[in-house]
């Protein structure tokens, strides 16, 4: 029996200068295999309950007005679960039944993503969405560039803390069991800490060459 193959997922080594750990990384520009989907589910289930509830609440608001009735059915079910699990927002430990319900809500969100993103692309025969225009920069890159323009010598750790404290509008910075990352208004908009550091390196190089 062959081992399931990953396409979008890869483990990456991350360090804060003191401790090194392995974190899951997903390249959202690549098609997901069943093995990738399994890793994504494992990652979603690894977060603290309070953080997962917050993330789910923000995600379903992004599709609150979606016209697809099946999506709205899943959203309504997720919202019911969030209401039932609202006491977990205080940070208390979840019971097994509560974790099972939260995991089911995460599974339903994956179905929403498939209905909203994957199926329409498959129907049109599109393999991927167009990339960003050459030379354009996303909100995270623009935030990093603005900080480095003012203080070119700023280190990655300080850059991260500054962006984390005042992330771009609609974005949220996380530092939890899953790792350090910045999440945008849509699930596909995620900048890992390693990518954050790479962007910083690219912007430093660009500033030196200007």
N, C-alpha and C. Protein backbone atom coordinates (compact mmCIF):
# COMPACT_ATOMS: atom_id res chain seq x y z
N UNK A 1 0.85 -1.20 0.00
CA UNK A 1 0.00 0.00 0.00
C UNK A 1 0.88 1.25 0.00
N UNK A 2 0.68 2.13 -0.96
CA UNK A 2 1.49 3.33 -1.07
C UNK A 2 1.05 4.39 -0.08
N UNK A 3 2.01 5.18 0.37
CA UNK A 3 1.71 6.26 1.31
C UNK A 3 1.04 7.41 0.59
N UNK A 4 -0.05 7.99 1.15
CA UNK A 4 -0.73 9.11 0.49
C UNK A 4 0.25 10.25 0.22
N UNK A 5 0.14 10.85 -0.97
CA UNK A 5 1.07 11.90 -1.37
C UNK A 5 0.49 13.29 -1.11
N UNK A 6 1.36 14.17 -0.65
CA UNK A 6 0.97 15.56 -0.44
C UNK A 6 1.40 16.40 -1.62
N UNK A 7 0.64 17.43 -1.90
CA UNK A 7 0.97 18.36 -2.97
C UNK A 7 1.08 19.78 -2.42
N UNK A 8 0.08 20.19 -1.64
CA UNK A 8 0.07 21.56 -1.10
C UNK A 8 0.73 21.65 0.28
N UNK A 9 0.79 20.53 0.99
CA UNK A 9 1.27 20.55 2.38
C UNK A 9 2.75 20.18 2.48
N UNK A 10 3.44 20.87 3.39
CA UNK A 10 4.79 20.45 3.75
C UNK A 10 5.08 20.92 5.18
N UNK A 11 5.79 20.12 5.96
CA UNK A 11 6.18 20.58 7.29
C UNK A 11 7.36 21.53 7.15
N UNK A 12 7.41 22.53 8.00
CA UNK A 12 8.53 23.47 7.94
C UNK A 12 9.08 23.71 9.34
N UNK A 13 10.39 23.88 9.43
CA UNK A 13 11.05 24.15 10.70
C UNK A 13 11.00 25.65 10.99
N UNK A 14 10.55 26.00 12.19
CA UNK A 14 10.42 27.40 12.58
C UNK A 14 11.15 27.59 13.90
N UNK A 15 11.78 28.73 14.06
CA UNK A 15 12.48 29.03 15.31
C UNK A 15 12.24 30.47 15.73
N UNK A 16 12.19 30.69 17.02
CA UNK A 16 12.10 32.05 17.54
C UNK A 16 13.44 32.49 18.10
N UNK A 17 14.49 31.72 17.76
CA UNK A 17 15.83 32.02 18.23
C UNK A 17 16.20 31.24 19.47
N UNK A 18 15.20 30.63 20.09
CA UNK A 18 15.45 29.84 21.30
C UNK A 18 14.98 28.40 21.09
N UNK A 19 13.75 28.26 20.64
CA UNK A 19 13.16 26.94 20.44
C UNK A 19 12.86 26.75 18.95
N UNK A 20 13.09 25.55 18.47
CA UNK A 20 12.75 25.20 17.09
C UNK A 20 11.64 24.17 17.10
N UNK A 21 10.62 24.36 16.26
CA UNK A 21 9.53 23.41 16.20
C UNK A 21 9.09 23.25 14.75
N UNK A 22 8.31 22.19 14.52
CA UNK A 22 7.80 21.91 13.18
C UNK A 22 6.38 22.41 13.06
N UNK A 23 6.08 23.09 11.98
CA UNK A 23 4.75 23.64 11.75
C UNK A 23 4.25 23.21 10.38
N UNK A 24 2.94 23.06 10.28
CA UNK A 24 2.33 22.70 9.01
C UNK A 24 2.25 23.93 8.11
N UNK A 25 2.61 23.78 6.85
CA UNK A 25 2.49 24.87 5.88
C UNK A 25 1.75 24.36 4.66
N UNK A 26 0.80 25.16 4.17
CA UNK A 26 0.03 24.79 2.98
C UNK A 26 0.20 25.86 1.91
N UNK A 27 0.59 25.44 0.72
CA UNK A 27 0.68 26.34 -0.42
C UNK A 27 -0.70 26.39 -1.06
N UNK A 28 -1.44 27.48 -0.81
CA UNK A 28 -2.82 27.57 -1.25
C UNK A 28 -2.96 27.74 -2.76
N UNK A 29 -1.83 27.90 -3.46
CA UNK A 29 -1.90 28.01 -4.92
C UNK A 29 -1.87 26.65 -5.61
N UNK A 30 -1.62 25.60 -4.82
CA UNK A 30 -1.55 24.25 -5.40
C UNK A 30 -2.82 23.46 -5.12
N UNK A 31 -3.23 22.58 -6.04
CA UNK A 31 -4.41 21.74 -5.80
C UNK A 31 -4.19 20.83 -4.59
N UNK A 32 -5.25 20.63 -3.80
CA UNK A 32 -5.16 19.77 -2.62
C UNK A 32 -5.40 18.31 -3.01
N UNK A 33 -4.57 17.42 -2.48
CA UNK A 33 -4.80 15.99 -2.60
C UNK A 33 -5.55 15.52 -1.35
N UNK A 34 -6.07 14.29 -1.36
CA UNK A 34 -6.72 13.77 -0.14
C UNK A 34 -5.79 13.81 1.07
N UNK A 35 -4.49 13.58 0.84
CA UNK A 35 -3.54 13.64 1.95
C UNK A 35 -3.42 15.07 2.49
N UNK A 36 -3.45 16.07 1.59
CA UNK A 36 -3.41 17.46 2.01
C UNK A 36 -4.64 17.80 2.84
N UNK A 37 -5.81 17.34 2.39
CA UNK A 37 -7.05 17.62 3.10
C UNK A 37 -7.01 17.02 4.50
N UNK A 38 -6.45 15.82 4.61
CA UNK A 38 -6.35 15.17 5.92
C UNK A 38 -5.45 15.97 6.85
N UNK A 39 -4.34 16.50 6.33
CA UNK A 39 -3.44 17.32 7.14
C UNK A 39 -4.11 18.62 7.56
N UNK A 40 -4.90 19.21 6.64
CA UNK A 40 -5.61 20.45 6.96
C UNK A 40 -6.58 20.22 8.10
N UNK A 41 -7.31 19.11 8.06
CA UNK A 41 -8.26 18.79 9.12
C UNK A 41 -7.53 18.62 10.46
N UNK A 42 -6.39 17.93 10.45
CA UNK A 42 -5.61 17.74 11.66
C UNK A 42 -5.15 19.08 12.22
N UNK A 43 -4.77 20.01 11.34
CA UNK A 43 -4.32 21.32 11.80
C UNK A 43 -5.47 22.10 12.42
N UNK A 44 -6.63 22.05 11.77
CA UNK A 44 -7.79 22.77 12.29
C UNK A 44 -8.18 22.26 13.67
N UNK A 45 -8.02 20.96 13.88
CA UNK A 45 -8.42 20.36 15.14
C UNK A 45 -7.39 20.56 16.24
N UNK A 46 -6.22 21.12 15.88
CA UNK A 46 -5.15 21.26 16.87
C UNK A 46 -5.22 22.56 17.65
N UNK A 47 -5.99 23.52 17.17
CA UNK A 47 -6.02 24.84 17.81
C UNK A 47 -6.79 24.83 19.12
N UNK A 48 -6.52 25.82 19.95
CA UNK A 48 -7.26 25.98 21.20
C UNK A 48 -8.72 26.29 20.89
N UNK A 49 -9.67 25.78 21.69
CA UNK A 49 -11.10 25.98 21.40
C UNK A 49 -11.49 27.44 21.22
N UNK A 50 -11.01 28.32 22.10
CA UNK A 50 -11.42 29.73 22.01
C UNK A 50 -10.97 30.35 20.69
N UNK A 51 -9.73 30.06 20.28
CA UNK A 51 -9.22 30.61 19.02
C UNK A 51 -9.96 30.02 17.83
N UNK A 52 -10.31 28.75 17.90
CA UNK A 52 -11.03 28.12 16.80
C UNK A 52 -12.44 28.68 16.68
N UNK A 53 -13.09 28.93 17.81
CA UNK A 53 -14.42 29.53 17.78
C UNK A 53 -14.37 30.91 17.15
N UNK A 54 -13.38 31.69 17.52
CA UNK A 54 -13.23 33.04 16.97
C UNK A 54 -13.00 32.98 15.47
N UNK A 55 -12.14 32.07 15.04
CA UNK A 55 -11.84 31.95 13.62
C UNK A 55 -13.07 31.52 12.83
N UNK A 56 -13.80 30.53 13.34
CA UNK A 56 -15.02 30.07 12.66
C UNK A 56 -16.06 31.18 12.56
N UNK A 57 -16.21 31.95 13.63
CA UNK A 57 -17.19 33.04 13.62
C UNK A 57 -16.86 34.05 12.53
N UNK A 58 -15.57 34.39 12.39
CA UNK A 58 -15.19 35.35 11.36
C UNK A 58 -15.38 34.77 9.96
N UNK A 59 -15.10 33.50 9.82
CA UNK A 59 -15.20 32.86 8.51
C UNK A 59 -16.65 32.80 8.02
N UNK A 60 -17.57 32.42 8.89
CA UNK A 60 -18.95 32.29 8.42
C UNK A 60 -19.57 33.66 8.13
N UNK A 61 -19.07 34.70 8.78
CA UNK A 61 -19.57 36.04 8.47
C UNK A 61 -19.20 36.43 7.05
N UNK A 62 -18.07 35.88 6.55
CA UNK A 62 -17.62 36.20 5.20
C UNK A 62 -18.55 35.60 4.14
N UNK A 63 -19.35 34.60 4.51
CA UNK A 63 -20.26 33.98 3.54
C UNK A 63 -21.72 34.15 3.98
N UNK A 64 -21.96 35.08 4.88
CA UNK A 64 -23.31 35.26 5.44
C UNK A 64 -24.34 35.58 4.36
N UNK A 65 -23.93 36.24 3.30
CA UNK A 65 -24.87 36.63 2.24
C UNK A 65 -24.72 35.80 0.97
N UNK A 66 -24.04 34.68 1.07
CA UNK A 66 -23.85 33.85 -0.12
C UNK A 66 -25.19 33.28 -0.58
N UNK A 67 -25.45 33.31 -1.90
CA UNK A 67 -26.77 32.88 -2.40
C UNK A 67 -27.00 31.37 -2.41
N UNK A 68 -25.95 30.58 -2.29
CA UNK A 68 -26.10 29.12 -2.34
C UNK A 68 -26.82 28.62 -1.08
N UNK A 69 -27.94 27.93 -1.27
CA UNK A 69 -28.75 27.48 -0.13
C UNK A 69 -28.06 26.39 0.68
N UNK A 70 -27.26 25.56 0.01
CA UNK A 70 -26.55 24.51 0.74
C UNK A 70 -25.48 25.11 1.64
N UNK A 71 -24.80 26.13 1.13
CA UNK A 71 -23.81 26.83 1.96
C UNK A 71 -24.50 27.44 3.17
N UNK A 72 -25.65 28.06 2.97
CA UNK A 72 -26.37 28.68 4.08
C UNK A 72 -26.84 27.64 5.08
N UNK A 73 -27.15 26.43 4.62
CA UNK A 73 -27.54 25.35 5.53
C UNK A 73 -26.37 25.00 6.45
N UNK A 74 -25.16 24.89 5.86
CA UNK A 74 -23.98 24.59 6.67
C UNK A 74 -23.65 25.74 7.61
N UNK A 75 -23.77 26.97 7.11
CA UNK A 75 -23.48 28.14 7.94
C UNK A 75 -24.40 28.20 9.15
N UNK A 76 -25.69 27.91 8.92
CA UNK A 76 -26.65 27.92 10.02
C UNK A 76 -26.29 26.87 11.07
N UNK A 77 -25.86 25.70 10.61
CA UNK A 77 -25.48 24.64 11.53
C UNK A 77 -24.22 25.02 12.31
N UNK A 78 -23.25 25.65 11.62
CA UNK A 78 -22.03 26.09 12.30
C UNK A 78 -22.36 27.15 13.34
N UNK A 79 -23.27 28.06 12.98
CA UNK A 79 -23.65 29.13 13.91
C UNK A 79 -24.31 28.54 15.16
N UNK A 80 -25.15 27.50 14.99
CA UNK A 80 -25.77 26.84 16.14
C UNK A 80 -24.70 26.23 17.06
N UNK A 81 -23.68 25.63 16.44
CA UNK A 81 -22.60 25.04 17.23
C UNK A 81 -21.83 26.11 17.98
N UNK A 82 -21.57 27.25 17.32
CA UNK A 82 -20.86 28.34 17.98
C UNK A 82 -21.64 28.86 19.18
N UNK A 83 -22.95 28.98 19.02
CA UNK A 83 -23.78 29.43 20.13
C UNK A 83 -23.75 28.43 21.29
N UNK A 84 -23.81 27.15 20.94
CA UNK A 84 -23.82 26.11 21.98
C UNK A 84 -22.49 26.03 22.71
N UNK A 85 -21.40 26.42 22.02
CA UNK A 85 -20.06 26.31 22.59
C UNK A 85 -19.51 27.66 23.06
N UNK A 86 -20.37 28.66 23.15
CA UNK A 86 -19.91 30.02 23.45
C UNK A 86 -19.17 30.11 24.79
N UNK A 87 -19.48 29.23 25.74
CA UNK A 87 -18.82 29.29 27.04
C UNK A 87 -17.34 28.95 26.95
N UNK A 88 -16.92 28.32 25.84
CA UNK A 88 -15.51 27.98 25.67
C UNK A 88 -14.66 29.20 25.36
N UNK A 89 -15.32 30.31 25.02
CA UNK A 89 -14.58 31.54 24.72
C UNK A 89 -13.84 32.07 25.95
N UNK A 90 -14.26 31.62 27.12
CA UNK A 90 -13.59 32.06 28.35
C UNK A 90 -12.23 31.40 28.53
N UNK A 91 -11.96 30.37 27.70
CA UNK A 91 -10.68 29.69 27.80
C UNK A 91 -10.72 28.41 28.60
N UNK A 92 -11.90 28.02 29.08
CA UNK A 92 -11.97 26.79 29.88
C UNK A 92 -11.74 25.57 29.00
N UNK A 93 -11.38 24.46 29.63
CA UNK A 93 -11.12 23.22 28.91
C UNK A 93 -12.42 22.62 28.39
N UNK A 94 -12.42 22.19 27.15
CA UNK A 94 -13.61 21.61 26.53
C UNK A 94 -13.77 20.15 26.94
N UNK A 95 -15.02 19.71 27.03
CA UNK A 95 -15.29 18.30 27.26
C UNK A 95 -15.11 17.55 25.94
N UNK A 96 -15.13 16.25 26.01
CA UNK A 96 -14.98 15.46 24.78
C UNK A 96 -16.14 15.72 23.83
N UNK A 97 -17.36 15.80 24.37
CA UNK A 97 -18.52 16.06 23.51
C UNK A 97 -18.42 17.44 22.85
N UNK A 98 -17.91 18.42 23.60
CA UNK A 98 -17.77 19.77 23.04
C UNK A 98 -16.70 19.79 21.94
N UNK A 99 -15.60 19.06 22.15
CA UNK A 99 -14.57 18.99 21.12
C UNK A 99 -15.09 18.29 19.88
N UNK A 100 -15.91 17.25 20.09
CA UNK A 100 -16.51 16.56 18.94
C UNK A 100 -17.39 17.51 18.14
N UNK A 101 -18.15 18.34 18.84
CA UNK A 101 -19.03 19.27 18.13
C UNK A 101 -18.22 20.34 17.41
N UNK A 102 -17.15 20.81 18.03
CA UNK A 102 -16.30 21.81 17.39
C UNK A 102 -15.62 21.22 16.17
N UNK A 103 -15.17 19.98 16.27
CA UNK A 103 -14.56 19.31 15.13
C UNK A 103 -15.56 19.15 13.98
N UNK A 104 -16.81 18.84 14.32
CA UNK A 104 -17.84 18.72 13.29
C UNK A 104 -18.09 20.06 12.61
N UNK A 105 -18.04 21.15 13.38
CA UNK A 105 -18.23 22.47 12.80
C UNK A 105 -17.07 22.80 11.85
N UNK A 106 -15.85 22.40 12.21
CA UNK A 106 -14.71 22.60 11.32
C UNK A 106 -14.88 21.81 10.03
N UNK A 107 -15.39 20.59 10.16
CA UNK A 107 -15.63 19.76 8.97
C UNK A 107 -16.67 20.41 8.06
N UNK A 108 -17.67 21.01 8.67
CA UNK A 108 -18.70 21.67 7.87
C UNK A 108 -18.13 22.89 7.15
N UNK A 109 -17.19 23.59 7.81
CA UNK A 109 -16.57 24.73 7.15
C UNK A 109 -15.79 24.28 5.92
N UNK A 110 -15.13 23.13 6.00
CA UNK A 110 -14.42 22.60 4.84
C UNK A 110 -15.39 22.35 3.70
N UNK A 111 -16.58 21.86 4.02
CA UNK A 111 -17.60 21.65 2.99
C UNK A 111 -18.03 22.97 2.36
N UNK A 112 -18.12 24.02 3.20
CA UNK A 112 -18.46 25.34 2.68
C UNK A 112 -17.40 25.80 1.68
N UNK A 113 -16.12 25.59 2.02
CA UNK A 113 -15.04 25.98 1.13
C UNK A 113 -15.12 25.24 -0.20
N UNK A 114 -15.42 23.96 -0.13
CA UNK A 114 -15.53 23.17 -1.36
C UNK A 114 -16.68 23.68 -2.21
N UNK A 115 -17.82 23.95 -1.58
CA UNK A 115 -18.99 24.44 -2.31
C UNK A 115 -18.74 25.83 -2.88
N UNK A 116 -18.07 26.68 -2.11
CA UNK A 116 -17.87 28.07 -2.54
C UNK A 116 -16.74 28.24 -3.54
N UNK A 117 -15.63 27.50 -3.34
CA UNK A 117 -14.43 27.75 -4.14
C UNK A 117 -14.12 26.66 -5.16
N UNK A 118 -14.11 25.40 -4.70
CA UNK A 118 -13.65 24.33 -5.57
C UNK A 118 -14.65 23.97 -6.66
N UNK A 119 -15.92 23.80 -6.29
CA UNK A 119 -16.92 23.36 -7.27
C UNK A 119 -17.12 24.38 -8.38
N UNK A 120 -17.26 25.68 -8.10
CA UNK A 120 -17.39 26.65 -9.21
C UNK A 120 -16.21 26.62 -10.17
N UNK A 121 -14.99 26.45 -9.64
CA UNK A 121 -13.82 26.37 -10.51
C UNK A 121 -13.87 25.12 -11.37
N UNK A 122 -14.29 24.01 -10.76
CA UNK A 122 -14.37 22.76 -11.52
C UNK A 122 -15.40 22.87 -12.63
N UNK A 123 -16.52 23.54 -12.35
CA UNK A 123 -17.55 23.70 -13.36
C UNK A 123 -17.07 24.54 -14.54
N UNK A 124 -16.22 25.50 -14.27
CA UNK A 124 -15.70 26.35 -15.34
C UNK A 124 -14.47 25.74 -16.00
N UNK A 125 -13.97 24.66 -15.38
CA UNK A 125 -12.79 24.02 -15.94
C UNK A 125 -11.52 24.75 -15.60
N UNK A 126 -11.58 25.64 -14.60
CA UNK A 126 -10.39 26.41 -14.23
C UNK A 126 -9.55 25.62 -13.25
N UNK A 127 -8.24 25.60 -13.45
CA UNK A 127 -7.34 24.89 -12.55
C UNK A 127 -6.83 25.78 -11.44
N UNK A 128 -6.75 27.07 -11.71
CA UNK A 128 -6.31 27.99 -10.68
C UNK A 128 -6.74 29.38 -11.06
N UNK A 129 -6.77 30.28 -10.07
CA UNK A 129 -7.16 31.66 -10.32
C UNK A 129 -5.95 32.45 -10.77
N UNK A 130 -6.15 33.56 -11.49
CA UNK A 130 -5.03 34.36 -11.96
C UNK A 130 -4.21 34.88 -10.79
N UNK A 131 -2.90 35.00 -10.98
CA UNK A 131 -2.03 35.51 -9.94
C UNK A 131 -2.06 37.02 -9.88
N UNK A 132 -1.39 37.55 -8.88
CA UNK A 132 -1.33 39.00 -8.74
C UNK A 132 -0.47 39.59 -9.85
N UNK A 133 -0.80 40.76 -10.32
CA UNK A 133 -0.02 41.43 -11.35
C UNK A 133 1.41 41.61 -10.88
N UNK A 134 2.35 41.49 -11.82
CA UNK A 134 3.75 41.65 -11.50
C UNK A 134 3.99 43.03 -10.89
N UNK A 135 4.72 43.04 -9.77
CA UNK A 135 5.04 44.31 -9.14
C UNK A 135 4.04 44.71 -8.06
N UNK A 136 2.89 44.03 -8.02
CA UNK A 136 1.88 44.38 -7.03
C UNK A 136 2.25 43.74 -5.69
N UNK A 137 1.78 44.30 -4.60
CA UNK A 137 2.06 43.75 -3.29
C UNK A 137 0.80 43.65 -2.46
N UNK A 138 0.71 42.59 -1.64
CA UNK A 138 -0.45 42.42 -0.79
C UNK A 138 -0.37 43.30 0.45
N UNK A 139 -1.41 43.28 1.27
CA UNK A 139 -1.45 44.12 2.48
C UNK A 139 -0.30 43.85 3.45
N UNK A 140 0.07 42.58 3.62
CA UNK A 140 1.15 42.25 4.54
C UNK A 140 2.48 42.80 4.01
N UNK A 141 2.72 42.61 2.73
CA UNK A 141 3.96 43.14 2.14
C UNK A 141 4.02 44.66 2.26
N UNK A 142 2.89 45.32 2.01
CA UNK A 142 2.88 46.79 2.11
C UNK A 142 3.16 47.25 3.53
N UNK A 143 2.63 46.51 4.52
CA UNK A 143 2.87 46.87 5.91
C UNK A 143 4.35 46.71 6.27
N UNK A 144 4.95 45.60 5.80
CA UNK A 144 6.37 45.35 6.06
C UNK A 144 7.22 46.43 5.39
N UNK A 145 6.89 46.74 4.14
CA UNK A 145 7.66 47.73 3.39
C UNK A 145 7.61 49.09 4.08
N UNK A 146 6.42 49.48 4.56
CA UNK A 146 6.28 50.78 5.22
C UNK A 146 7.15 50.86 6.47
N UNK A 147 7.19 49.77 7.25
CA UNK A 147 8.00 49.76 8.47
C UNK A 147 9.48 49.79 8.16
N UNK A 148 9.90 49.02 7.14
CA UNK A 148 11.32 48.97 6.79
C UNK A 148 11.78 50.27 6.14
N UNK A 149 10.88 50.94 5.46
CA UNK A 149 11.24 52.23 4.86
C UNK A 149 11.61 53.23 5.96
N UNK A 150 10.89 53.17 7.06
CA UNK A 150 11.16 54.08 8.19
C UNK A 150 12.35 53.60 9.01
N UNK A 151 12.51 52.28 9.13
CA UNK A 151 13.59 51.73 9.96
C UNK A 151 14.18 50.51 9.27
N UNK A 152 15.09 50.71 8.30
CA UNK A 152 15.66 49.60 7.51
C UNK A 152 16.36 48.54 8.35
N UNK A 153 16.82 48.91 9.53
CA UNK A 153 17.55 47.95 10.35
C UNK A 153 16.67 47.10 11.26
N UNK A 154 15.37 47.26 11.16
CA UNK A 154 14.46 46.52 12.03
C UNK A 154 14.55 45.01 11.77
N UNK A 155 14.70 44.22 12.84
CA UNK A 155 14.81 42.77 12.73
C UNK A 155 13.43 42.13 12.56
N UNK A 156 13.45 40.86 12.12
CA UNK A 156 12.20 40.15 11.85
C UNK A 156 11.30 40.06 13.08
N UNK A 157 11.91 39.80 14.24
CA UNK A 157 11.11 39.64 15.46
C UNK A 157 10.35 40.92 15.79
N UNK A 158 11.03 42.07 15.65
CA UNK A 158 10.37 43.34 15.94
C UNK A 158 9.34 43.67 14.85
N UNK A 159 9.70 43.37 13.60
CA UNK A 159 8.75 43.59 12.50
C UNK A 159 7.45 42.84 12.77
N UNK A 160 7.59 41.56 13.18
CA UNK A 160 6.42 40.73 13.45
C UNK A 160 5.56 41.35 14.55
N UNK A 161 6.20 41.77 15.64
CA UNK A 161 5.44 42.34 16.76
C UNK A 161 4.73 43.63 16.35
N UNK A 162 5.38 44.44 15.50
CA UNK A 162 4.77 45.69 15.05
C UNK A 162 3.56 45.42 14.16
N UNK A 163 3.71 44.48 13.23
CA UNK A 163 2.59 44.14 12.34
C UNK A 163 1.49 43.43 13.12
N UNK A 164 1.88 42.58 14.06
CA UNK A 164 0.91 41.86 14.89
C UNK A 164 0.07 42.85 15.69
N UNK A 165 0.71 43.90 16.19
CA UNK A 165 -0.01 44.90 16.99
C UNK A 165 -0.97 45.73 16.14
N UNK A 166 -0.58 46.00 14.90
CA UNK A 166 -1.42 46.80 14.00
C UNK A 166 -1.44 46.16 12.62
N UNK A 167 -2.16 45.02 12.48
CA UNK A 167 -2.20 44.32 11.19
C UNK A 167 -3.01 45.12 10.17
N UNK A 168 -2.86 44.79 8.87
CA UNK A 168 -3.66 45.46 7.85
C UNK A 168 -5.15 45.30 8.13
N UNK A 169 -5.95 46.23 7.64
CA UNK A 169 -7.40 46.18 7.87
C UNK A 169 -7.97 44.85 7.36
N UNK A 170 -8.75 44.19 8.22
CA UNK A 170 -9.36 42.92 7.85
C UNK A 170 -8.49 41.71 8.11
N UNK A 171 -7.25 41.92 8.55
CA UNK A 171 -6.32 40.83 8.81
C UNK A 171 -6.13 40.66 10.32
N UNK A 172 -5.78 39.44 10.75
CA UNK A 172 -5.55 39.14 12.17
C UNK A 172 -4.28 38.32 12.30
N UNK A 173 -3.43 38.69 13.25
CA UNK A 173 -2.20 37.95 13.50
C UNK A 173 -2.43 36.95 14.63
N UNK A 174 -1.92 35.73 14.46
CA UNK A 174 -2.08 34.68 15.45
C UNK A 174 -0.71 34.15 15.89
N UNK A 175 -0.64 33.74 17.14
CA UNK A 175 0.55 33.10 17.69
C UNK A 175 0.05 32.04 18.66
N UNK A 176 -0.18 30.82 18.17
CA UNK A 176 -0.79 29.78 18.98
C UNK A 176 -0.17 28.42 18.69
N UNK A 177 -0.86 27.35 19.06
CA UNK A 177 -0.33 26.01 18.88
C UNK A 177 -0.09 25.67 17.42
N UNK A 178 -0.86 26.27 16.54
CA UNK A 178 -0.69 26.03 15.11
C UNK A 178 0.58 26.69 14.61
N UNK A 179 0.96 27.81 15.22
CA UNK A 179 2.14 28.54 14.82
C UNK A 179 1.87 30.03 14.79
N UNK A 180 2.78 30.76 14.16
CA UNK A 180 2.60 32.20 13.98
C UNK A 180 2.23 32.46 12.52
N UNK A 181 1.14 33.19 12.32
CA UNK A 181 0.69 33.47 10.96
C UNK A 181 -0.28 34.64 10.98
N UNK A 182 -0.50 35.23 9.81
CA UNK A 182 -1.45 36.33 9.66
C UNK A 182 -2.52 35.87 8.68
N UNK A 183 -3.76 35.99 9.10
CA UNK A 183 -4.89 35.51 8.29
C UNK A 183 -5.70 36.68 7.77
N UNK A 184 -6.04 36.63 6.48
CA UNK A 184 -6.79 37.70 5.85
C UNK A 184 -8.29 37.48 5.89
N UNK A 185 -9.04 38.28 5.15
CA UNK A 185 -10.50 38.18 5.16
C UNK A 185 -11.03 36.86 4.61
N UNK A 186 -10.26 36.18 3.75
CA UNK A 186 -10.69 34.90 3.21
C UNK A 186 -9.73 33.81 3.66
N UNK A 187 -10.18 32.55 3.74
CA UNK A 187 -9.34 31.45 4.22
C UNK A 187 -8.06 31.26 3.41
N UNK A 188 -8.10 31.62 2.12
CA UNK A 188 -6.91 31.43 1.27
C UNK A 188 -5.83 32.46 1.55
N UNK A 189 -6.18 33.54 2.25
CA UNK A 189 -5.22 34.62 2.51
C UNK A 189 -4.53 34.37 3.85
N UNK A 190 -3.48 33.59 3.81
CA UNK A 190 -2.72 33.28 5.01
C UNK A 190 -1.24 33.49 4.73
N UNK A 191 -0.58 34.25 5.59
CA UNK A 191 0.87 34.46 5.48
C UNK A 191 1.53 33.83 6.69
N UNK A 192 2.30 32.75 6.46
CA UNK A 192 2.99 32.10 7.56
C UNK A 192 4.16 32.97 8.03
N UNK A 193 4.69 32.65 9.20
CA UNK A 193 5.80 33.44 9.73
C UNK A 193 7.03 33.31 8.83
N UNK A 194 7.26 32.10 8.30
CA UNK A 194 8.42 31.91 7.42
C UNK A 194 8.27 32.76 6.16
N UNK A 195 7.04 32.82 5.61
CA UNK A 195 6.81 33.65 4.44
C UNK A 195 6.95 35.13 4.80
N UNK A 196 6.49 35.49 6.00
CA UNK A 196 6.63 36.85 6.50
C UNK A 196 8.10 37.27 6.50
N UNK A 197 8.97 36.38 7.00
CA UNK A 197 10.40 36.67 7.05
C UNK A 197 10.99 36.76 5.64
N UNK A 198 10.52 35.91 4.73
CA UNK A 198 11.01 35.96 3.35
C UNK A 198 10.62 37.28 2.68
N UNK A 199 9.39 37.72 2.93
CA UNK A 199 8.94 39.01 2.37
C UNK A 199 9.81 40.14 2.91
N UNK A 200 10.11 40.08 4.21
CA UNK A 200 10.96 41.11 4.82
C UNK A 200 12.33 41.14 4.16
N UNK A 201 12.89 39.96 3.89
CA UNK A 201 14.20 39.87 3.24
C UNK A 201 14.13 40.48 1.82
N UNK A 202 13.05 40.17 1.10
CA UNK A 202 12.88 40.69 -0.25
C UNK A 202 12.78 42.21 -0.24
N UNK A 203 12.03 42.76 0.74
CA UNK A 203 11.86 44.21 0.82
C UNK A 203 13.16 44.90 1.24
N UNK A 204 13.94 44.27 2.12
CA UNK A 204 15.23 44.85 2.49
C UNK A 204 16.14 44.93 1.26
N UNK A 205 16.15 43.85 0.49
CA UNK A 205 16.97 43.82 -0.72
C UNK A 205 16.52 44.89 -1.71
N UNK A 206 15.21 45.05 -1.85
CA UNK A 206 14.68 46.06 -2.76
C UNK A 206 15.04 47.47 -2.31
N UNK A 207 15.01 47.71 -0.99
CA UNK A 207 15.36 49.03 -0.46
C UNK A 207 16.84 49.34 -0.66
N UNK A 208 17.67 48.31 -0.52
CA UNK A 208 19.11 48.52 -0.72
C UNK A 208 19.43 48.84 -2.18
N UNK A 209 18.59 48.28 -3.07
CA UNK A 209 18.84 48.49 -4.49
C UNK A 209 18.23 49.76 -5.04
N UNK A 210 17.37 50.42 -4.22
CA UNK A 210 16.69 51.63 -4.70
C UNK A 210 17.56 52.86 -4.57
